[in-house]
Amino acid sequence: MALEDSNNSLFIGNQHTRLKRVNSTNKYALDVLAKSKPMEGTVISASFQYDGRGQIGRYWESNDGEN
């Protein structure tokens, strides 16, 4: 479930999708891009990723709410 809100930023993060749990924010972002044209500067974050991707194809793993 995504909760969207705005902040006082001029650009980056003005549109922010916060997710409680998602497989990967990268995969989620790619899905959003395939289906729509989000506002430039949109931020997608999650409290927990269960199949996250790090840099250079590495797996991303952390406890819920840590990163």
PDB file of N, CA and C in Angstrom:
ATOM      1  N   MET A   1       0.845  -1.175   0.000  1.00  0.00           N
ATOM      2  CA  MET A   1       0.000   0.000   0.000  1.00  0.00           C
ATOM      3  C   MET A   1       0.887   1.234   0.000  1.00  0.00           C
ATOM      4  N   ALA A   2       0.631   2.155  -0.888  1.00  0.00           N
ATOM      5  CA  ALA A   2       1.428   3.358  -1.019  1.00  0.00           C
ATOM      6  C   ALA A   2       0.694   4.547  -0.421  1.00  0.00           C
ATOM      7  N   LEU A   3       1.415   5.364   0.295  1.00  0.00           N
ATOM      8  CA  LEU A   3       0.881   6.612   0.816  1.00  0.00           C
ATOM      9  C   LEU A   3       1.633   7.744   0.142  1.00  0.00           C
ATOM     10  N   GLU A   4       0.934   8.654  -0.495  1.00  0.00           N
ATOM     11  CA  GLU A   4       1.593   9.733  -1.204  1.00  0.00           C
ATOM     12  C   GLU A   4       1.313  11.046  -0.488  1.00  0.00           C
ATOM     13  N   ASP A   5       2.320  11.906  -0.440  1.00  0.00           N
ATOM     14  CA  ASP A   5       2.142  13.231   0.118  1.00  0.00           C
ATOM     15  C   ASP A   5       3.171  14.169  -0.485  1.00  0.00           C
ATOM     16  N   SER A   6       3.058  15.420  -0.179  1.00  0.00           N
ATOM     17  CA  SER A   6       4.000  16.420  -0.666  1.00  0.00           C
ATOM     18  C   SER A   6       4.760  17.001   0.512  1.00  0.00           C
ATOM     19  N   ASN A   7       5.928  17.559   0.232  1.00  0.00           N
ATOM     20  CA  ASN A   7       6.691  18.251   1.256  1.00  0.00           C
ATOM     21  C   ASN A   7       6.994  19.650   0.750  1.00  0.00           C
ATOM     22  N   ASN A   8       7.857  20.357   1.408  1.00  0.00           N
ATOM     23  CA  ASN A   8       8.167  21.726   1.022  1.00  0.00           C
ATOM     24  C   ASN A   8       9.348  21.829   0.069  1.00  0.00           C
ATOM     25  N   SER A   9       9.824  20.718  -0.461  1.00  0.00           N
ATOM     26  CA  SER A   9      10.935  20.707  -1.394  1.00  0.00           C
ATOM     27  C   SER A   9      10.550  21.403  -2.689  1.00  0.00           C
ATOM     28  N   LEU A  10      11.521  22.054  -3.326  1.00  0.00           N
ATOM     29  CA  LEU A  10      11.261  22.678  -4.609  1.00  0.00           C
ATOM     30  C   LEU A  10      11.178  21.658  -5.726  1.00  0.00           C
ATOM     31  N   PHE A  11      11.870  20.516  -5.580  1.00  0.00           N
ATOM     32  CA  PHE A  11      11.959  19.603  -6.705  1.00  0.00           C
ATOM     33  C   PHE A  11      11.977  18.137  -6.284  1.00  0.00           C
ATOM     34  N   ILE A  12      13.120  17.665  -5.828  1.00  0.00           N
ATOM     35  CA  ILE A  12      13.267  16.246  -5.496  1.00  0.00           C
ATOM     36  C   ILE A  12      12.456  15.916  -4.249  1.00  0.00           C
ATOM     37  N   GLY A  13      11.645  14.887  -4.369  1.00  0.00           N
ATOM     38  CA  GLY A  13      10.832  14.438  -3.247  1.00  0.00           C
ATOM     39  C   GLY A  13       9.527  15.189  -3.094  1.00  0.00           C
ATOM     40  N   ASN A  14       9.247  16.116  -3.992  1.00  0.00           N
ATOM     41  CA  ASN A  14       7.973  16.821  -3.906  1.00  0.00           C
ATOM     42  C   ASN A  14       6.822  15.831  -4.051  1.00  0.00           C
ATOM     43  N   GLN A  15       7.023  14.809  -4.853  1.00  0.00           N
ATOM     44  CA  GLN A  15       6.084  13.679  -4.943  1.00  0.00           C
ATOM     45  C   GLN A  15       6.805  12.485  -4.319  1.00  0.00           C
ATOM     46  N   HIS A  16       6.301  11.960  -3.212  1.00  0.00           N
ATOM     47  CA  HIS A  16       6.983  10.897  -2.476  1.00  0.00           C
ATOM     48  C   HIS A  16       6.005   9.756  -2.233  1.00  0.00           C
ATOM     49  N   THR A  17       6.333   8.585  -2.743  1.00  0.00           N
ATOM     50  CA  THR A  17       5.543   7.379  -2.501  1.00  0.00           C
ATOM     51  C   THR A  17       6.250   6.579  -1.427  1.00  0.00           C
ATOM     52  N   ARG A  18       5.585   6.422  -0.283  1.00  0.00           N
ATOM     53  CA  ARG A  18       6.148   5.650   0.836  1.00  0.00           C
ATOM     54  C   ARG A  18       5.429   4.312   0.904  1.00  0.00           C
ATOM     55  N   LEU A  19       6.222   3.254   0.887  1.00  0.00           N
ATOM     56  CA  LEU A  19       5.674   1.897   0.934  1.00  0.00           C
ATOM     57  C   LEU A  19       6.060   1.240   2.250  1.00  0.00           C
ATOM     58  N   LYS A  20       5.161   0.487   2.823  1.00  0.00           N
ATOM     59  CA  LYS A  20       5.505  -0.254   4.043  1.00  0.00           C
ATOM     60  C   LYS A  20       6.397  -1.440   3.707  1.00  0.00           C
ATOM     61  N   ARG A  21       6.028  -2.188   2.656  1.00  0.00           N
ATOM     62  CA  ARG A  21       6.735  -3.416   2.304  1.00  0.00           C
ATOM     63  C   ARG A  21       6.650  -3.589   0.789  1.00  0.00           C
ATOM     64  N   VAL A  22       7.776  -3.906   0.172  1.00  0.00           N
ATOM     65  CA  VAL A  22       7.819  -4.094  -1.277  1.00  0.00           C
ATOM     66  C   VAL A  22       8.964  -5.040  -1.602  1.00  0.00           C
ATOM     67  N   ASN A  23       8.859  -5.723  -2.742  1.00  0.00           N
ATOM     68  CA  ASN A  23       9.963  -6.607  -3.106  1.00  0.00           C
ATOM     69  C   ASN A  23      11.234  -5.780  -3.318  1.00  0.00           C
ATOM     70  N   SER A  24      11.168  -4.739  -4.132  1.00  0.00           N
ATOM     71  CA  SER A  24      12.327  -3.900  -4.411  1.00  0.00           C
ATOM     72  C   SER A  24      11.832  -2.532  -4.858  1.00  0.00           C
ATOM     73  N   THR A  25      12.369  -1.463  -4.301  1.00  0.00           N
ATOM     74  CA  THR A  25      11.974  -0.125  -4.749  1.00  0.00           C
ATOM     75  C   THR A  25      12.399   0.097  -6.197  1.00  0.00           C
ATOM     76  N   ASN A  26      13.511  -0.494  -6.612  1.00  0.00           N
ATOM     77  CA  ASN A  26      13.935  -0.385  -8.014  1.00  0.00           C
ATOM     78  C   ASN A  26      12.917  -1.050  -8.935  1.00  0.00           C
ATOM     79  N   LYS A  27      12.480  -2.264  -8.588  1.00  0.00           N
ATOM     80  CA  LYS A  27      11.492  -2.969  -9.396  1.00  0.00           C
ATOM     81  C   LYS A  27      10.161  -2.216  -9.397  1.00  0.00           C
ATOM     82  N   TYR A  28       9.776  -1.684  -8.260  1.00  0.00           N
ATOM     83  CA  TYR A  28       8.542  -0.909  -8.150  1.00  0.00           C
ATOM     84  C   TYR A  28       8.615   0.318  -9.055  1.00  0.00           C
ATOM     85  N   ALA A  29       9.745   1.015  -9.024  1.00  0.00           N
ATOM     86  CA  ALA A  29       9.924   2.212  -9.857  1.00  0.00           C
ATOM     87  C   ALA A  29       9.857   1.859 -11.344  1.00  0.00           C
ATOM     88  N   LEU A  30      10.475   0.762 -11.740  1.00  0.00           N
ATOM     89  CA  LEU A  30      10.419   0.341 -13.140  1.00  0.00           C
ATOM     90  C   LEU A  30       8.979   0.032 -13.561  1.00  0.00           C
ATOM     91  N   ASP A  31       8.200  -0.571 -12.668  1.00  0.00           N
ATOM     92  CA  ASP A  31       6.799  -0.866 -12.955  1.00  0.00           C
ATOM     93  C   ASP A  31       5.998   0.434 -13.108  1.00  0.00           C
ATOM     94  N   VAL A  32       6.244   1.401 -12.228  1.00  0.00           N
ATOM     95  CA  VAL A  32       5.575   2.705 -12.321  1.00  0.00           C
ATOM     96  C   VAL A  32       5.914   3.369 -13.653  1.00  0.00           C
ATOM     97  N   LEU A  33       7.187   3.331 -14.040  1.00  0.00           N
ATOM     98  CA  LEU A  33       7.615   3.940 -15.307  1.00  0.00           C
ATOM     99  C   LEU A  33       6.993   3.251 -16.521  1.00  0.00           C
ATOM    100  N   ALA A  34       6.775   1.948 -16.436  1.00  0.00           N
ATOM    101  CA  ALA A  34       6.170   1.207 -17.544  1.00  0.00           C
ATOM    102  C   ALA A  34       4.691   1.564 -17.718  1.00  0.00           C
ATOM    103  N   LYS A  35       4.047   1.977 -16.618  1.00  0.00           N
ATOM    104  CA  LYS A  35       2.606   2.228 -16.649  1.00  0.00           C
ATOM    105  C   LYS A  35       2.224   3.704 -16.706  1.00  0.00           C
ATOM    106  N   SER A  36       3.161   4.594 -16.371  1.00  0.00           N
ATOM    107  CA  SER A  36       2.816   6.015 -16.300  1.00  0.00           C
ATOM    108  C   SER A  36       4.063   6.870 -16.485  1.00  0.00           C
ATOM    109  N   LYS A  37       3.865   8.155 -16.421  1.00  0.00           N
ATOM    110  CA  LYS A  37       4.988   9.088 -16.502  1.00  0.00           C
ATOM    111  C   LYS A  37       4.991   9.916 -15.213  1.00  0.00           C
ATOM    112  N   PRO A  38       5.697   9.433 -14.179  1.00  0.00           N
ATOM    113  CA  PRO A  38       5.692  10.156 -12.903  1.00  0.00           C
ATOM    114  C   PRO A  38       6.395  11.501 -13.024  1.00  0.00           C
ATOM    115  N   MET A  39       6.037  12.382 -12.127  1.00  0.00           N
ATOM    116  CA  MET A  39       6.632  13.713 -12.068  1.00  0.00           C
ATOM    117  C   MET A  39       8.143  13.601 -11.845  1.00  0.00           C
ATOM    118  N   GLU A  40       8.919  14.397 -12.560  1.00  0.00           N
ATOM    119  CA  GLU A  40      10.369  14.386 -12.371  1.00  0.00           C
ATOM    120  C   GLU A  40      10.692  14.735 -10.920  1.00  0.00           C
ATOM    121  N   GLY A  41      11.623  14.002 -10.329  1.00  0.00           N
ATOM    122  CA  GLY A  41      11.991  14.212  -8.935  1.00  0.00           C
ATOM    123  C   GLY A  41      11.210  13.341  -7.962  1.00  0.00           C
ATOM    124  N   THR A  42      10.331  12.470  -8.483  1.00  0.00           N
ATOM    125  CA  THR A  42       9.552  11.574  -7.629  1.00  0.00           C
ATOM    126  C   THR A  42      10.478  10.654  -6.837  1.00  0.00           C
ATOM    127  N   VAL A  43      10.158  10.458  -5.571  1.00  0.00           N
ATOM    128  CA  VAL A  43      10.926   9.584  -4.683  1.00  0.00           C
ATOM    129  C   VAL A  43      10.048   8.404  -4.288  1.00  0.00           C
ATOM    130  N   ILE A  44      10.635   7.209  -4.294  1.00  0.00           N
ATOM    131  CA  ILE A  44       9.950   6.002  -3.830  1.00  0.00           C
ATOM    132  C   ILE A  44      10.797   5.406  -2.715  1.00  0.00           C
ATOM    133  N   SER A  45      10.185   5.214  -1.546  1.00  0.00           N
ATOM    134  CA  SER A  45      10.918   4.627  -0.416  1.00  0.00           C
ATOM    135  C   SER A  45      10.063   3.545   0.227  1.00  0.00           C
ATOM    136  N   ALA A  46      10.713   2.674   0.991  1.00  0.00           N
ATOM    137  CA  ALA A  46      10.011   1.581   1.662  1.00  0.00           C
ATOM    138  C   ALA A  46      10.623   1.339   3.033  1.00  0.00           C
ATOM    139  N   SER A  47       9.774   0.951   3.964  1.00  0.00           N
ATOM    140  CA  SER A  47      10.265   0.561   5.289  1.00  0.00           C
ATOM    141  C   SER A  47      10.974  -0.782   5.231  1.00  0.00           C
ATOM    142  N   PHE A  48      10.538  -1.643   4.297  1.00  0.00           N
ATOM    143  CA  PHE A  48      11.155  -2.960   4.190  1.00  0.00           C
ATOM    144  C   PHE A  48      11.120  -3.452   2.746  1.00  0.00           C
ATOM    145  N   GLN A  49      12.260  -3.944   2.268  1.00  0.00           N
ATOM    146  CA  GLN A  49      12.366  -4.588   0.960  1.00  0.00           C
ATOM    147  C   GLN A  49      12.743  -6.048   1.184  1.00  0.00           C
ATOM    148  N   TYR A  50      11.985  -6.958   0.629  1.00  0.00           N
ATOM    149  CA  TYR A  50      12.289  -8.371   0.820  1.00  0.00           C
ATOM    150  C   TYR A  50      13.054  -8.977  -0.351  1.00  0.00           C
ATOM    151  N   ASP A  51      13.292  -8.205  -1.398  1.00  0.00           N
ATOM    152  CA  ASP A  51      14.102  -8.677  -2.524  1.00  0.00           C
ATOM    153  C   ASP A  51      14.843  -7.483  -3.120  1.00  0.00           C
ATOM    154  N   GLY A  52      15.439  -6.680  -2.244  1.00  0.00           N
ATOM    155  CA  GLY A  52      16.089  -5.449  -2.671  1.00  0.00           C
ATOM    156  C   GLY A  52      17.351  -5.681  -3.476  1.00  0.00           C
ATOM    157  N   ARG A  53      17.682  -4.689  -4.289  1.00  0.00           N
ATOM    158  CA  ARG A  53      18.888  -4.752  -5.107  1.00  0.00           C
ATOM    159  C   ARG A  53      19.817  -3.630  -4.680  1.00  0.00           C
ATOM    160  N   GLY A  54      21.077  -3.974  -4.530  1.00  0.00           N
ATOM    161  CA  GLY A  54      22.094  -2.984  -4.211  1.00  0.00           C
ATOM    162  C   GLY A  54      22.818  -2.557  -5.479  1.00  0.00           C
ATOM    163  N   GLN A  55      23.959  -1.955  -5.312  1.00  0.00           N
ATOM    164  CA  GLN A  55      24.746  -1.516  -6.462  1.00  0.00           C
ATOM    165  C   GLN A  55      25.381  -2.699  -7.177  1.00  0.00           C
ATOM    166  N   ILE A  56      25.591  -2.542  -8.451  1.00  0.00           N
ATOM    167  CA  ILE A  56      26.269  -3.523  -9.307  1.00  0.00           C
ATOM    168  C   ILE A  56      25.630  -4.911  -9.185  1.00  0.00           C
ATOM    169  N   GLY A  57      24.298  -4.951  -9.124  1.00  0.00           N
ATOM    170  CA  GLY A  57      23.580  -6.221  -9.093  1.00  0.00           C
ATOM    171  C   GLY A  57      23.632  -6.970  -7.778  1.00  0.00           C
ATOM    172  N   ARG A  58      24.155  -6.364  -6.740  1.00  0.00           N
ATOM    173  CA  ARG A  58      24.224  -7.038  -5.441  1.00  0.00           C
ATOM    174  C   ARG A  58      22.854  -7.073  -4.768  1.00  0.00           C
ATOM    175  N   TYR A  59      22.657  -8.047  -3.930  1.00  0.00           N
ATOM    176  CA  TYR A  59      21.424  -8.206  -3.163  1.00  0.00           C
ATOM    177  C   TYR A  59      21.428  -7.237  -1.988  1.00  0.00           C
ATOM    178  N   TRP A  60      20.285  -6.642  -1.691  1.00  0.00           N
ATOM    179  CA  TRP A  60      20.164  -5.704  -0.574  1.00  0.00           C
ATOM    180  C   TRP A  60      19.344  -6.370   0.511  1.00  0.00           C
ATOM    181  N   GLU A  61      19.905  -6.458   1.716  1.00  0.00           N
ATOM    182  CA  GLU A  61      19.199  -7.097   2.820  1.00  0.00           C
ATOM    183  C   GLU A  61      19.403  -6.285   4.089  1.00  0.00           C
ATOM    184  N   SER A  62      18.324  -6.031   4.806  1.00  0.00           N
ATOM    185  CA  SER A  62      18.392  -5.359   6.104  1.00  0.00           C
ATOM    186  C   SER A  62      17.135  -5.691   6.885  1.00  0.00           C
ATOM    187  N   ASN A  63      17.150  -5.407   8.160  1.00  0.00           N
ATOM    188  CA  ASN A  63      15.977  -5.634   8.995  1.00  0.00           C
ATOM    189  C   ASN A  63      14.934  -4.567   8.735  1.00  0.00           C
ATOM    190  N   ASP A  64      13.683  -4.898   8.990  1.00  0.00           N
ATOM    191  CA  ASP A  64      12.558  -3.985   8.788  1.00  0.00           C
ATOM    192  C   ASP A  64      12.800  -2.659   9.530  1.00  0.00           C
ATOM    193  N   GLY A  65      12.665  -1.550   8.809  1.00  0.00           N
ATOM    194  CA  GLY A  65      12.796  -0.218   9.385  1.00  0.00           C
ATOM    195  C   GLY A  65      14.225   0.284   9.570  1.00  0.00           C
ATOM    196  N   GLU A  66      15.238  -0.516   9.225  1.00  0.00           N
ATOM    197  CA  GLU A  66      16.640  -0.105   9.433  1.00  0.00           C
ATOM    198  C   GLU A  66      17.160   0.873   8.402  1.00  0.00           C
ATOM    199  N   ASN A  67      16.835   0.661   7.158  1.00  0.00           N
ATOM    200  CA  ASN A  67      17.413   1.472   6.089  1.00  0.00           C
ATOM    201  C   ASN A  67      16.348   2.122   5.271  1.00  0.00           C
TER     202      ASN A  67
END
